[in-house]
Amino acid sequence: MDTNKRLLIRGGSIPAGYGVQRNYVDIIRETLPSAEIVNQSRIKDTTFQGVWTFHEDIDIHKPDILMLHFGVDDAYQPVYRSEFKENLVQIVRLARKRFNPEIILLTSHPFENPYDMEMIYIYYRTIREVAVDLDCDMVPVHVYWSGIIEERGESLSEYVQKDCRYPNERGHELYAEAVVHKLKERLL
């Protein structure tokens, strides 16, 4: 990774590393040691906090790549789907107006409970809509997870904490695998 490139990650509990010692952002730092990586994620932050703190969390850093990872906290707080979409759109538009970074939107992992998955998938579809509408890149982490877990013949529970909204250390490794691939692709 070019040392002149700055990656900023803004999101909620998952990129903030809720319940783990080492999260996927730490793994990305280890994998891409020449990168300047800033993590401005906070536990329980939703896209509302993303909009409200844009100037102090994102704008002052003027990243070359802005990675937004919201959704799970929004779904469980609850933030309406329409609000979630509008908040993502606002963050993307503000970033493009202020410093025009490359923007990557992430989904999160799948859920075993079909009702939880149905609810969270509404947010994942919204992320895809914003990515398509605003020409952002997207990492469908939930699809990556599903493929790897099926390939390995393991269960989803091996990758999440007791509270299935949050990945454990193994789960964060899967996040890092999916994201690093996209970052290398972006930087070549």
Protein backbone atom coordinates (compact mmCIF):
# COMPACT_ATOMS: atom_id res chain seq x y z
CA MET A 1 0.00 0.00 0.00
CA ASP A 2 1.31 3.44 -0.90
CA THR A 3 2.38 5.28 2.26
CA ASN A 4 0.75 8.42 0.87
CA LYS A 5 -2.67 6.74 1.01
CA ARG A 6 -4.82 7.28 4.10
CA LEU A 7 -7.67 4.89 4.87
CA LEU A 8 -10.32 5.98 7.34
CA ILE A 9 -12.85 3.53 8.74
CA ARG A 10 -16.04 4.96 10.26
CA GLY A 11 -18.68 2.74 11.72
CA GLY A 12 -20.19 1.27 14.84
CA SER A 13 -19.56 -1.59 17.23
CA ILE A 14 -18.04 -4.13 14.83
CA PRO A 15 -15.18 -2.00 13.45
CA ALA A 16 -14.76 -0.53 16.97
CA GLY A 17 -13.98 -4.07 18.14
CA TYR A 18 -16.80 -4.69 20.59
CA GLY A 19 -16.00 -7.69 22.79
CA VAL A 20 -12.66 -8.64 21.21
CA GLN A 21 -9.01 -7.89 21.87
CA ARG A 22 -8.06 -7.77 18.19
CA ASN A 23 -10.52 -6.62 15.55
CA TYR A 24 -10.45 -6.60 11.77
CA VAL A 25 -9.00 -3.08 11.68
CA ASP A 26 -6.00 -4.31 13.71
CA ILE A 27 -5.58 -7.21 11.28
CA ILE A 28 -5.71 -4.85 8.29
CA ARG A 29 -2.99 -2.73 9.94
CA GLU A 30 -0.82 -5.85 10.34
CA THR A 31 -1.49 -6.98 6.78
CA LEU A 32 -0.86 -3.56 5.20
CA PRO A 33 1.82 -2.10 7.50
CA SER A 34 2.77 0.77 5.20
CA ALA A 35 -0.79 2.11 5.20
CA GLU A 36 -1.96 4.98 7.34
CA ILE A 37 -5.16 3.62 8.83
CA VAL A 38 -7.43 5.71 11.03
CA ASN A 39 -10.32 4.01 12.83
CA GLN A 40 -13.00 6.48 13.93
CA SER A 41 -15.57 3.83 14.85
CA ARG A 42 -17.33 3.74 18.19
CA ILE A 43 -19.37 1.13 19.99
CA LYS A 44 -23.11 1.56 19.38
CA ASP A 45 -22.67 4.38 16.85
CA THR A 46 -25.27 4.51 14.12
CA THR A 47 -25.31 6.42 10.86
CA PHE A 48 -26.83 9.33 12.80
CA GLN A 49 -23.57 9.68 14.76
CA GLY A 50 -21.73 9.27 11.46
CA VAL A 51 -23.50 12.34 10.10
CA TRP A 52 -23.36 14.36 13.33
CA THR A 53 -19.61 13.79 13.83
CA PHE A 54 -18.59 13.98 10.17
CA HIS A 55 -16.43 17.09 10.57
CA GLU A 56 -14.52 15.91 13.65
CA ASP A 57 -14.24 12.23 12.73
CA ILE A 58 -13.84 12.21 8.95
CA ASP A 59 -13.35 15.65 7.43
CA ILE A 60 -10.29 16.61 9.47
CA HIS A 61 -8.45 13.49 8.26
CA LYS A 62 -9.28 13.95 4.54
CA PRO A 63 -8.74 10.24 3.75
CA ASP A 64 -7.97 8.96 0.28
CA ILE A 65 -10.23 5.98 1.00
CA LEU A 66 -13.27 6.19 3.25
CA MET A 67 -14.70 2.89 4.40
CA LEU A 68 -18.16 3.06 6.00
CA HIS A 69 -19.28 0.12 8.11
CA PHE A 70 -22.67 0.77 9.63
CA GLY A 71 -25.85 -1.30 9.73
CA VAL A 72 -26.07 -3.67 12.68
CA ASP A 73 -26.23 -0.95 15.33
CA ASP A 74 -28.69 0.96 13.14
CA ALA A 75 -30.93 -2.10 12.83
CA TYR A 76 -31.01 -2.82 16.55
CA GLN A 77 -31.33 0.77 17.87
CA PRO A 78 -33.63 1.02 15.68
CA VAL A 79 -32.90 3.47 12.91
CA TYR A 80 -35.53 3.27 10.18
CA ARG A 81 -34.33 1.96 6.84
CA SER A 82 -35.17 5.29 5.17
CA GLU A 83 -33.15 7.19 7.79
CA PHE A 84 -30.27 4.76 7.43
CA LYS A 85 -30.21 5.27 3.68
CA GLU A 86 -30.42 9.05 3.92
CA ASN A 87 -27.64 9.14 6.51
CA LEU A 88 -25.33 7.03 4.33
CA VAL A 89 -26.12 9.26 1.35
CA GLN A 90 -25.33 12.37 3.40
CA ILE A 91 -21.96 11.01 4.54
CA VAL A 92 -20.98 9.98 1.01
CA ARG A 93 -22.04 13.30 -0.49
CA LEU A 94 -20.29 15.33 2.22
CA ALA A 95 -17.08 13.35 1.72
CA ARG A 96 -17.18 13.78 -2.04
CA LYS A 97 -17.84 17.50 -1.75
CA ARG A 98 -15.10 18.09 0.83
CA PHE A 99 -12.21 15.86 -0.35
CA ASN A 100 -13.52 13.29 -2.88
CA PRO A 101 -12.18 9.99 -1.49
CA GLU A 102 -12.72 6.54 -2.88
CA ILE A 103 -15.63 5.16 -0.87
CA ILE A 104 -16.18 1.56 0.18
CA LEU A 105 -19.36 0.43 1.90
CA LEU A 106 -19.40 -2.79 3.96
CA THR A 107 -22.18 -5.11 4.98
CA SER A 108 -21.74 -7.23 8.09
CA HIS A 109 -21.95 -10.96 8.68
CA PRO A 110 -24.96 -13.28 8.27
CA PHE A 111 -27.15 -14.31 11.21
CA GLU A 112 -28.32 -17.85 12.05
CA ASN A 113 -31.75 -16.79 13.23
CA PRO A 114 -33.84 -16.34 10.06
CA TYR A 115 -35.86 -13.49 11.61
CA ASP A 116 -32.70 -11.57 12.52
CA MET A 117 -31.26 -12.23 9.07
CA GLU A 118 -34.43 -11.06 7.36
CA MET A 119 -34.34 -7.84 9.40
CA ILE A 120 -30.63 -7.16 8.88
CA TYR A 121 -30.79 -8.03 5.20
CA ILE A 122 -33.02 -4.98 4.69
CA TYR A 123 -30.02 -2.88 5.75
CA TYR A 124 -27.63 -4.85 3.54
CA ARG A 125 -29.89 -4.23 0.53
CA THR A 126 -29.93 -0.55 1.44
CA ILE A 127 -26.12 -0.50 1.48
CA ARG A 128 -26.15 -2.05 -1.99
CA GLU A 129 -28.67 0.56 -3.20
CA VAL A 130 -26.48 3.41 -1.96
CA ALA A 131 -23.38 1.81 -3.50
CA VAL A 132 -25.11 1.49 -6.87
CA ASP A 133 -26.86 4.87 -6.77
CA LEU A 134 -23.75 6.81 -5.74
CA ASP A 135 -21.14 4.70 -7.55
CA CYS A 136 -19.37 3.48 -4.42
CA ASP A 137 -17.54 0.21 -4.08
CA MET A 138 -19.04 -2.40 -1.78
CA VAL A 139 -17.78 -5.38 0.17
CA PRO A 140 -20.65 -7.85 0.75
CA VAL A 141 -19.12 -9.36 3.89
CA HIS A 142 -22.21 -11.49 4.58
CA VAL A 143 -21.79 -13.23 1.22
CA TYR A 144 -18.07 -13.80 1.82
CA TRP A 145 -18.78 -15.27 5.26
CA SER A 146 -21.48 -17.59 3.94
CA GLY A 147 -19.18 -18.96 1.24
CA ILE A 148 -16.21 -19.52 3.55
CA ILE A 149 -18.28 -21.12 6.31
CA GLU A 150 -19.99 -23.48 3.86
CA GLU A 151 -16.65 -24.31 2.21
CA ARG A 152 -15.09 -25.15 5.59
CA GLY A 153 -18.14 -27.11 6.77
CA GLU A 154 -18.32 -25.05 9.94
CA SER A 155 -21.19 -23.29 11.64
CA LEU A 156 -21.78 -19.57 11.91
CA SER A 157 -21.70 -19.82 15.71
CA GLU A 158 -17.96 -20.52 15.54
CA TYR A 159 -17.41 -16.99 14.25
CA VAL A 160 -19.64 -14.89 16.51
CA GLN A 161 -19.81 -14.00 20.17
CA LYS A 162 -22.62 -15.10 22.48
CA ASP A 163 -24.43 -11.98 21.27
CA CYS A 164 -24.52 -12.95 17.59
CA ARG A 165 -24.52 -9.31 16.46
CA TYR A 166 -20.79 -9.23 17.10
CA PRO A 167 -18.04 -11.36 15.56
CA ASN A 168 -15.43 -13.06 17.72
CA GLU A 169 -11.72 -13.01 16.83
CA ARG A 170 -12.19 -15.69 14.15
CA GLY A 171 -15.03 -13.66 12.70
CA HIS A 172 -12.87 -10.55 12.59
CA GLU A 173 -10.31 -12.56 10.63
CA LEU A 174 -13.00 -13.23 7.99
CA TYR A 175 -13.87 -9.53 7.89
CA ALA A 176 -10.21 -8.69 7.35
CA GLU A 177 -9.87 -11.27 4.55
CA ALA A 178 -12.83 -9.80 2.69
CA VAL A 179 -11.74 -6.19 3.18
CA VAL A 180 -8.01 -6.58 2.51
CA HIS A 181 -8.81 -8.17 -0.84
CA LYS A 182 -10.86 -5.11 -1.80
CA LEU A 183 -8.25 -2.65 -0.50
CA LYS A 184 -5.44 -4.29 -2.47
CA GLU A 185 -7.68 -4.22 -5.54
CA ARG A 186 -8.30 -0.50 -4.98
CA LEU A 187 -4.65 0.35 -4.53
CA LEU A 188 -3.10 -1.51 -7.47
